[in-house]
Amino acid sequence: MSIRLFSVAIVLFLSGCAKSVYTDFDQQFAYQDIQTYDIAVKPSTSPVSLDDSRIERALEREMATKGIKETDTSPNVTLRYFVQPKTEAIAHGPSISFGYGSRRFGARYETPIRIEERDYGQLVVEMVDNQSNQVIWRAVSNRKLTDSMTPSSKNEFINEQVKDMFANFPPSNGEK
């Protein structure tokens, strides 16, 4: 029994260590020189969605905590974001069931294999150097943004992910 409990504890510990975001960055860029930013404007033909508003507020909050100010006139960097559509296949496989009734015991084994596709979004944030027009920093969420989430859970999800994305910003050259 104690071995089983220990195994469960190890699995929970390791799952807690998994990164929820991955970042990549230009090691040669002087991030400490960034003082101003702007958020890339979506094309005027497409309306601003609820998720866009949530993401923009989260980005503004995180940049403020880093001491970087938003400006419209010649910012050092531009933040752009998007929710990348993804699909995953969920396979529902064999099942075993047991039952007892009327002095009989029975077991049943079924092998219906059914595959279900689920759509979700993956949040991506990029920082573009306005002088070189190059992406200098990129963060990708490992967690899934779904349409079935409630508004409050979407707010919480986006705030957590953006905070995790900027947790080690500005990056140091030794960071991986």
Protein backbone atom coordinates (compact mmCIF):
# COMPACT_ATOMS: atom_id res chain seq x y z
CA MET A 1 0.00 0.00 0.00
CA SER A 2 2.81 2.44 0.82
CA ILE A 3 4.51 1.74 -2.53
CA ARG A 4 1.28 2.61 -4.34
CA LEU A 5 0.90 5.82 -2.34
CA PHE A 6 4.54 6.72 -3.03
CA SER A 7 4.02 6.13 -6.76
CA VAL A 8 0.99 8.41 -6.82
CA ALA A 9 2.95 11.10 -4.98
CA ILE A 10 5.81 10.90 -7.50
CA VAL A 11 3.41 11.17 -10.47
CA LEU A 12 1.70 14.21 -8.94
CA PHE A 13 5.06 15.83 -8.21
CA LEU A 14 6.33 15.29 -11.74
CA SER A 15 3.13 16.57 -13.33
CA GLY A 16 3.45 19.71 -11.21
CA CYS A 17 6.96 20.24 -12.58
CA ALA A 18 5.83 20.26 -16.20
CA LYS A 19 6.16 23.67 -17.84
CA SER A 20 2.91 25.30 -18.86
CA VAL A 21 4.72 27.68 -21.25
CA TYR A 22 7.80 27.53 -23.43
CA THR A 23 9.83 30.58 -24.35
CA ASP A 24 12.43 31.22 -27.01
CA PHE A 25 14.46 34.39 -27.44
CA ASP A 26 17.31 36.10 -29.25
CA GLN A 27 20.31 35.81 -26.95
CA GLN A 28 22.04 38.80 -28.56
CA PHE A 29 19.26 41.33 -27.94
CA ALA A 30 19.65 43.88 -25.12
CA TYR A 31 16.32 43.37 -23.31
CA GLN A 32 17.26 45.76 -20.51
CA ASP A 33 17.03 48.63 -23.03
CA ILE A 34 13.31 48.06 -23.66
CA GLN A 35 11.38 50.96 -22.17
CA THR A 36 8.25 51.19 -24.34
CA TYR A 37 5.94 48.83 -26.17
CA ASP A 38 2.79 48.76 -28.23
CA ILE A 39 0.34 45.94 -28.89
CA ALA A 40 -0.09 45.06 -32.56
CA VAL A 41 -3.40 46.27 -33.92
CA LYS A 42 -5.74 43.70 -35.42
CA PRO A 43 -7.05 44.51 -38.92
CA SER A 44 -9.97 46.94 -38.66
CA THR A 45 -12.21 44.58 -40.63
CA SER A 46 -12.21 41.98 -37.87
CA PRO A 47 -13.96 42.76 -34.57
CA VAL A 48 -12.06 42.55 -31.29
CA SER A 49 -13.14 39.34 -29.59
CA LEU A 50 -13.65 38.81 -25.88
CA ASP A 51 -10.46 36.73 -25.72
CA ASP A 52 -8.52 39.48 -27.51
CA SER A 53 -9.60 41.95 -24.83
CA ARG A 54 -8.63 39.52 -22.08
CA ILE A 55 -5.20 38.90 -23.61
CA GLU A 56 -4.52 42.60 -24.15
CA ARG A 57 -5.41 43.43 -20.52
CA ALA A 58 -3.15 40.61 -19.28
CA LEU A 59 -0.27 41.83 -21.48
CA GLU A 60 -0.71 45.42 -20.27
CA ARG A 61 -0.67 44.24 -16.65
CA GLU A 62 2.49 42.15 -17.11
CA MET A 63 4.37 44.87 -18.98
CA ALA A 64 3.47 47.35 -16.23
CA THR A 65 4.95 45.00 -13.61
CA LYS A 66 8.15 44.90 -15.69
CA GLY A 67 8.27 48.73 -15.76
CA ILE A 68 7.75 48.92 -19.54
CA LYS A 69 5.33 51.63 -20.64
CA GLU A 70 2.79 51.48 -23.46
CA THR A 71 3.08 54.16 -26.15
CA ASP A 72 1.78 54.82 -29.65
CA THR A 73 4.76 56.88 -30.78
CA SER A 74 7.88 54.92 -31.78
CA PRO A 75 7.83 52.11 -29.18
CA ASN A 76 10.94 49.92 -28.76
CA VAL A 77 8.97 46.70 -29.29
CA THR A 78 5.59 45.54 -30.49
CA LEU A 79 3.75 42.69 -28.82
CA ARG A 80 1.66 40.52 -31.07
CA TYR A 81 -0.44 37.59 -29.99
CA PHE A 82 -2.69 35.01 -31.50
CA VAL A 83 -4.56 31.90 -30.50
CA GLN A 84 -3.29 29.12 -32.73
CA PRO A 85 -6.05 26.64 -33.58
CA LYS A 86 -5.19 23.03 -32.76
CA THR A 87 -7.02 19.71 -32.89
CA GLU A 88 -6.45 16.61 -30.81
CA ALA A 89 -7.77 13.10 -31.38
CA ILE A 90 -9.23 11.34 -28.35
CA ALA A 91 -9.54 7.55 -28.70
CA HIS A 92 -12.12 5.76 -26.62
CA GLY A 93 -11.02 2.16 -26.39
CA PRO A 94 -11.99 -1.12 -24.85
CA SER A 95 -13.94 -1.38 -21.64
CA ILE A 96 -14.55 -4.11 -19.08
CA SER A 97 -17.61 -4.25 -16.87
CA PHE A 98 -18.72 -6.63 -14.15
CA GLY A 99 -22.15 -7.23 -12.74
CA TYR A 100 -24.13 -9.38 -10.30
CA GLY A 101 -27.83 -10.03 -10.20
CA SER A 102 -30.33 -12.87 -9.60
CA ARG A 103 -27.62 -15.19 -8.23
CA ARG A 104 -25.55 -14.71 -11.36
CA PHE A 105 -22.22 -13.07 -11.90
CA GLY A 106 -21.17 -11.73 -15.27
CA ALA A 107 -18.40 -9.92 -17.03
CA ARG A 108 -18.42 -8.11 -20.32
CA TYR A 109 -15.60 -6.91 -22.53
CA GLU A 110 -16.23 -4.40 -25.33
CA THR A 111 -13.81 -3.19 -27.95
CA PRO A 112 -15.50 -0.30 -29.68
CA ILE A 113 -12.77 2.04 -30.82
CA ARG A 114 -14.13 5.49 -31.36
CA ILE A 115 -12.07 8.53 -32.18
CA GLU A 116 -13.31 11.97 -31.29
CA GLU A 117 -11.65 15.20 -32.45
CA ARG A 118 -11.55 18.16 -30.10
CA ASP A 119 -10.58 21.68 -31.10
CA TYR A 120 -8.69 24.02 -28.79
CA GLY A 121 -6.50 27.08 -28.99
CA GLN A 122 -2.88 27.55 -28.01
CA LEU A 123 -1.92 31.08 -26.89
CA VAL A 124 1.22 32.50 -28.55
CA VAL A 125 2.82 35.85 -27.70
CA GLU A 126 5.68 37.33 -29.72
CA MET A 127 7.80 40.42 -29.14
CA VAL A 128 9.06 42.20 -32.25
CA ASP A 129 12.00 44.62 -32.27
CA ASN A 130 10.69 47.65 -34.17
CA GLN A 131 14.13 48.66 -35.51
CA SER A 132 14.95 45.32 -37.15
CA ASN A 133 11.36 44.06 -37.56
CA GLN A 134 12.53 40.70 -36.14
CA VAL A 135 10.88 38.53 -33.52
CA ILE A 136 13.19 38.69 -30.50
CA TRP A 137 11.12 36.77 -27.95
CA ARG A 138 8.34 34.18 -28.24
CA ALA A 139 6.24 32.34 -25.67
CA VAL A 140 3.85 29.48 -26.36
CA SER A 141 1.28 28.13 -23.92
CA ASN A 142 1.22 24.37 -23.43
CA ARG A 143 -2.28 24.44 -21.99
CA LYS A 144 -5.54 24.38 -23.93
CA LEU A 145 -7.91 27.31 -24.35
CA THR A 146 -11.33 25.89 -25.20
CA ASP A 147 -14.71 27.34 -26.10
CA SER A 148 -16.31 25.28 -23.34
CA MET A 149 -14.53 27.31 -20.63
CA THR A 150 -16.62 29.74 -18.59
CA PRO A 151 -15.80 33.47 -18.89
CA SER A 152 -14.22 33.50 -15.42
CA SER A 153 -12.12 30.41 -16.16
CA LYS A 154 -10.98 31.98 -19.45
CA ASN A 155 -9.95 35.14 -17.58
CA GLU A 156 -8.05 33.09 -15.02
CA PHE A 157 -6.45 30.89 -17.69
CA ILE A 158 -5.25 33.84 -19.81
CA ASN A 159 -3.96 35.79 -16.79
CA GLU A 160 -2.03 32.73 -15.52
CA GLN A 161 -0.55 31.92 -18.92
CA VAL A 162 0.57 35.47 -19.67
CA LYS A 163 2.05 35.77 -16.18
CA ASP A 164 3.94 32.48 -16.66
CA MET A 165 5.14 33.66 -20.08
CA PHE A 166 6.73 36.77 -18.59
CA ALA A 167 7.93 35.14 -15.35
CA ASN A 168 11.56 35.06 -16.54
CA PHE A 169 11.46 38.23 -18.59
CA PRO A 170 13.83 39.83 -19.40
CA PRO A 171 15.70 36.63 -20.21
CA SER A 172 19.33 36.17 -19.31
CA ASN A 173 21.82 34.80 -21.83
CA GLY A 174 22.31 31.61 -19.81
CA GLU A 175 18.57 30.80 -19.72
CA LYS A 176 17.30 27.92 -21.82
